[in-house]
Amino acid sequence: MRDKTLDQKLLARLAARVEQVVIPAMPEIKRARDASELACLFGYGARAVANVVQALSMAEHKKALICGSLYLAGVYYELYPEH
């Protein structure tokens, strides 16, 4: 969310625990932070993509950590209600 403060230490801790950081754009959420801006805050290797479907497709059937927003989790469960 654009109006939330991001702790750089927290972002670094999250990035250190995953193979890749992929941030989907969520233009339907008015308060959403720009995906490219958030990728820059995560740092080297983080990547912004067009939407949640594209982000999840990059996981290639591996585990994916979905965090940061209940809106994002909601989109995931709309796409995959069986999970």
N, C-alpha and C. Protein backbone atom coordinates (compact mmCIF):
# COMPACT_ATOMS: atom_id res chain seq x y z
N MET A 1 0.83 -1.17 0.00
CA MET A 1 0.00 0.00 0.00
C MET A 1 0.88 1.26 0.00
N ARG A 2 0.53 2.18 -0.83
CA ARG A 2 1.31 3.42 -0.94
C ARG A 2 1.43 4.17 0.37
N ASP A 3 0.39 4.09 1.19
CA ASP A 3 0.37 4.90 2.40
C ASP A 3 1.00 4.20 3.61
N LYS A 4 1.61 3.05 3.41
CA LYS A 4 2.24 2.31 4.50
C LYS A 4 3.76 2.50 4.45
N THR A 5 4.37 2.58 5.62
CA THR A 5 5.82 2.70 5.71
C THR A 5 6.43 1.31 5.52
N LEU A 6 7.46 1.24 4.70
CA LEU A 6 8.15 -0.03 4.48
C LEU A 6 9.47 -0.04 5.22
N ASP A 7 9.70 -1.06 5.97
CA ASP A 7 10.94 -1.23 6.72
C ASP A 7 11.95 -1.95 5.83
N GLN A 8 13.04 -1.27 5.49
CA GLN A 8 14.06 -1.85 4.61
C GLN A 8 14.63 -3.15 5.18
N LYS A 9 14.77 -3.23 6.49
CA LYS A 9 15.30 -4.45 7.11
C LYS A 9 14.35 -5.61 6.90
N LEU A 10 13.06 -5.35 7.00
CA LEU A 10 12.07 -6.41 6.76
C LEU A 10 12.12 -6.88 5.31
N LEU A 11 12.21 -5.94 4.38
CA LEU A 11 12.29 -6.31 2.97
C LEU A 11 13.53 -7.16 2.71
N ALA A 12 14.64 -6.80 3.31
CA ALA A 12 15.88 -7.57 3.15
C ALA A 12 15.73 -8.97 3.72
N ARG A 13 15.08 -9.09 4.86
CA ARG A 13 14.88 -10.41 5.48
C ARG A 13 14.00 -11.29 4.61
N LEU A 14 12.95 -10.72 4.03
CA LEU A 14 12.09 -11.49 3.14
C LEU A 14 12.85 -11.92 1.89
N ALA A 15 13.56 -11.00 1.28
CA ALA A 15 14.31 -11.31 0.05
C ALA A 15 15.36 -12.38 0.28
N ALA A 16 15.94 -12.42 1.47
CA ALA A 16 16.98 -13.40 1.77
C ALA A 16 16.44 -14.82 1.89
N ARG A 17 15.13 -14.95 2.04
CA ARG A 17 14.54 -16.27 2.28
C ARG A 17 13.89 -16.89 1.04
N VAL A 18 13.99 -16.23 -0.09
CA VAL A 18 13.37 -16.74 -1.30
C VAL A 18 14.37 -16.74 -2.46
N GLU A 19 14.07 -17.56 -3.46
CA GLU A 19 14.94 -17.61 -4.64
C GLU A 19 14.75 -16.40 -5.54
N GLN A 20 13.52 -15.90 -5.61
CA GLN A 20 13.25 -14.73 -6.43
C GLN A 20 12.13 -13.91 -5.81
N VAL A 21 12.16 -12.62 -6.09
CA VAL A 21 11.11 -11.71 -5.63
C VAL A 21 10.39 -11.21 -6.87
N VAL A 22 9.09 -11.50 -6.94
CA VAL A 22 8.27 -11.08 -8.07
C VAL A 22 7.09 -10.30 -7.51
N ILE A 23 6.91 -9.09 -7.99
CA ILE A 23 5.88 -8.21 -7.46
C ILE A 23 4.87 -7.89 -8.55
N PRO A 24 3.63 -8.33 -8.35
CA PRO A 24 2.61 -8.07 -9.37
C PRO A 24 2.03 -6.67 -9.24
N ALA A 25 1.73 -6.06 -10.37
CA ALA A 25 0.98 -4.81 -10.37
C ALA A 25 -0.46 -5.13 -9.97
N MET A 26 -1.06 -4.23 -9.23
CA MET A 26 -2.45 -4.41 -8.81
C MET A 26 -3.21 -3.09 -9.01
N PRO A 27 -3.37 -2.69 -10.28
CA PRO A 27 -3.99 -1.38 -10.56
C PRO A 27 -5.44 -1.27 -10.09
N GLU A 28 -6.09 -2.40 -9.86
CA GLU A 28 -7.47 -2.36 -9.39
C GLU A 28 -7.58 -1.94 -7.92
N ILE A 29 -6.45 -1.94 -7.21
CA ILE A 29 -6.40 -1.52 -5.82
C ILE A 29 -5.85 -0.09 -5.78
N LYS A 30 -6.69 0.86 -5.47
CA LYS A 30 -6.29 2.28 -5.53
C LYS A 30 -5.10 2.61 -4.64
N ARG A 31 -4.97 1.95 -3.49
CA ARG A 31 -3.89 2.25 -2.55
C ARG A 31 -2.62 1.46 -2.84
N ALA A 32 -2.64 0.59 -3.84
CA ALA A 32 -1.49 -0.26 -4.12
C ALA A 32 -0.27 0.57 -4.53
N ARG A 33 0.87 0.16 -4.02
CA ARG A 33 2.13 0.80 -4.40
C ARG A 33 2.50 0.31 -5.80
N ASP A 34 3.13 1.14 -6.58
CA ASP A 34 3.57 0.76 -7.92
C ASP A 34 4.52 -0.43 -7.83
N ALA A 35 4.28 -1.45 -8.64
CA ALA A 35 5.08 -2.67 -8.58
C ALA A 35 6.56 -2.41 -8.90
N SER A 36 6.83 -1.56 -9.85
CA SER A 36 8.23 -1.24 -10.19
C SER A 36 8.93 -0.53 -9.04
N GLU A 37 8.22 0.38 -8.40
CA GLU A 37 8.78 1.09 -7.25
C GLU A 37 9.10 0.11 -6.12
N LEU A 38 8.18 -0.82 -5.87
CA LEU A 38 8.40 -1.80 -4.81
C LEU A 38 9.56 -2.73 -5.15
N ALA A 39 9.68 -3.11 -6.42
CA ALA A 39 10.80 -3.95 -6.84
C ALA A 39 12.13 -3.23 -6.59
N CYS A 40 12.17 -1.95 -6.85
CA CYS A 40 13.39 -1.17 -6.58
C CYS A 40 13.71 -1.15 -5.09
N LEU A 41 12.68 -1.05 -4.26
CA LEU A 41 12.91 -1.05 -2.81
C LEU A 41 13.45 -2.39 -2.32
N PHE A 42 13.01 -3.48 -2.95
CA PHE A 42 13.54 -4.79 -2.59
C PHE A 42 14.99 -4.93 -3.02
N GLY A 43 15.32 -4.31 -4.13
CA GLY A 43 16.71 -4.32 -4.57
C GLY A 43 16.99 -5.27 -5.71
N TYR A 44 18.27 -5.52 -5.91
CA TYR A 44 18.75 -6.30 -7.04
C TYR A 44 18.01 -7.62 -7.18
N GLY A 45 17.56 -7.90 -8.39
CA GLY A 45 16.93 -9.17 -8.68
C GLY A 45 15.42 -9.17 -8.53
N ALA A 46 14.86 -8.21 -7.81
CA ALA A 46 13.40 -8.15 -7.68
C ALA A 46 12.82 -7.70 -9.01
N ARG A 47 11.66 -8.24 -9.33
CA ARG A 47 11.08 -7.98 -10.64
C ARG A 47 9.60 -7.63 -10.52
N ALA A 48 9.18 -6.61 -11.24
CA ALA A 48 7.77 -6.24 -11.31
C ALA A 48 7.15 -6.89 -12.54
N VAL A 49 5.93 -7.40 -12.38
CA VAL A 49 5.21 -8.01 -13.50
C VAL A 49 3.80 -7.43 -13.57
N ALA A 50 3.09 -7.73 -14.64
CA ALA A 50 1.81 -7.10 -14.94
C ALA A 50 0.67 -7.48 -14.00
N ASN A 51 0.69 -8.71 -13.47
CA ASN A 51 -0.44 -9.14 -12.64
C ASN A 51 -0.09 -10.37 -11.81
N VAL A 52 -1.03 -10.78 -10.96
CA VAL A 52 -0.80 -11.91 -10.05
C VAL A 52 -0.62 -13.21 -10.83
N VAL A 53 -1.38 -13.41 -11.89
CA VAL A 53 -1.27 -14.64 -12.68
C VAL A 53 0.15 -14.77 -13.24
N GLN A 54 0.69 -13.70 -13.78
CA GLN A 54 2.05 -13.73 -14.32
C GLN A 54 3.06 -14.00 -13.21
N ALA A 55 2.87 -13.39 -12.06
CA ALA A 55 3.79 -13.60 -10.94
C ALA A 55 3.78 -15.06 -10.50
N LEU A 56 2.60 -15.64 -10.37
CA LEU A 56 2.51 -17.04 -9.94
C LEU A 56 3.04 -18.00 -11.00
N SER A 57 2.90 -17.65 -12.26
CA SER A 57 3.42 -18.53 -13.31
C SER A 57 4.93 -18.61 -13.27
N MET A 58 5.57 -17.60 -12.72
CA MET A 58 7.02 -17.60 -12.61
C MET A 58 7.51 -18.56 -11.52
N ALA A 59 6.61 -18.96 -10.63
CA ALA A 59 6.99 -19.89 -9.56
C ALA A 59 7.22 -21.30 -10.10
N GLU A 60 6.70 -21.58 -11.28
CA GLU A 60 6.92 -22.88 -11.95
C GLU A 60 6.69 -24.06 -11.01
N HIS A 61 5.54 -24.09 -10.37
CA HIS A 61 5.13 -25.20 -9.50
C HIS A 61 6.01 -25.35 -8.26
N LYS A 62 6.70 -24.31 -7.90
CA LYS A 62 7.46 -24.30 -6.65
C LYS A 62 6.60 -23.62 -5.58
N LYS A 63 7.07 -23.64 -4.37
CA LYS A 63 6.36 -22.93 -3.31
C LYS A 63 6.46 -21.43 -3.57
N ALA A 64 5.39 -20.72 -3.24
CA ALA A 64 5.37 -19.27 -3.39
C ALA A 64 4.94 -18.64 -2.08
N LEU A 65 5.65 -17.61 -1.68
CA LEU A 65 5.31 -16.85 -0.49
C LEU A 65 4.51 -15.64 -0.95
N ILE A 66 3.28 -15.56 -0.49
CA ILE A 66 2.40 -14.44 -0.85
C ILE A 66 2.26 -13.59 0.40
N CYS A 67 2.78 -12.38 0.34
CA CYS A 67 2.74 -11.56 1.55
C CYS A 67 2.60 -10.09 1.19
N GLY A 68 2.24 -9.33 2.19
CA GLY A 68 2.20 -7.89 2.04
C GLY A 68 0.82 -7.30 2.05
N SER A 69 -0.20 -8.06 1.64
CA SER A 69 -1.52 -7.47 1.53
C SER A 69 -2.59 -8.55 1.55
N LEU A 70 -3.63 -8.29 2.29
CA LEU A 70 -4.79 -9.19 2.23
C LEU A 70 -5.47 -9.11 0.87
N TYR A 71 -5.35 -7.97 0.19
CA TYR A 71 -5.89 -7.85 -1.15
C TYR A 71 -5.19 -8.84 -2.09
N LEU A 72 -3.89 -8.93 -1.97
CA LEU A 72 -3.12 -9.86 -2.80
C LEU A 72 -3.52 -11.30 -2.49
N ALA A 73 -3.65 -11.62 -1.21
CA ALA A 73 -4.09 -12.97 -0.83
C ALA A 73 -5.49 -13.24 -1.37
N GLY A 74 -6.35 -12.25 -1.34
CA GLY A 74 -7.70 -12.40 -1.87
C GLY A 74 -7.72 -12.71 -3.35
N VAL A 75 -6.86 -12.03 -4.11
CA VAL A 75 -6.77 -12.31 -5.55
C VAL A 75 -6.30 -13.74 -5.77
N TYR A 76 -5.32 -14.17 -4.98
CA TYR A 76 -4.83 -15.54 -5.09
C TYR A 76 -5.97 -16.54 -4.85
N TYR A 77 -6.73 -16.36 -3.78
CA TYR A 77 -7.80 -17.30 -3.46
C TYR A 77 -8.96 -17.23 -4.45
N GLU A 78 -9.16 -16.11 -5.12
CA GLU A 78 -10.13 -16.06 -6.20
C GLU A 78 -9.67 -16.93 -7.37
N LEU A 79 -8.37 -16.90 -7.64
CA LEU A 79 -7.81 -17.70 -8.74
C LEU A 79 -7.72 -19.18 -8.40
N TYR A 80 -7.43 -19.47 -7.14
CA TYR A 80 -7.19 -20.84 -6.69
C TYR A 80 -7.99 -21.14 -5.42
N PRO A 81 -9.33 -21.20 -5.52
CA PRO A 81 -10.15 -21.40 -4.31
C PRO A 81 -9.94 -22.75 -3.63
N GLU A 82 -9.38 -23.70 -4.35
CA GLU A 82 -9.15 -25.02 -3.77
C GLU A 82 -8.00 -25.03 -2.78
N HIS A 83 -7.19 -24.00 -2.75
CA HIS A 83 -6.06 -23.95 -1.83
C HIS A 83 -6.54 -23.37 -0.56
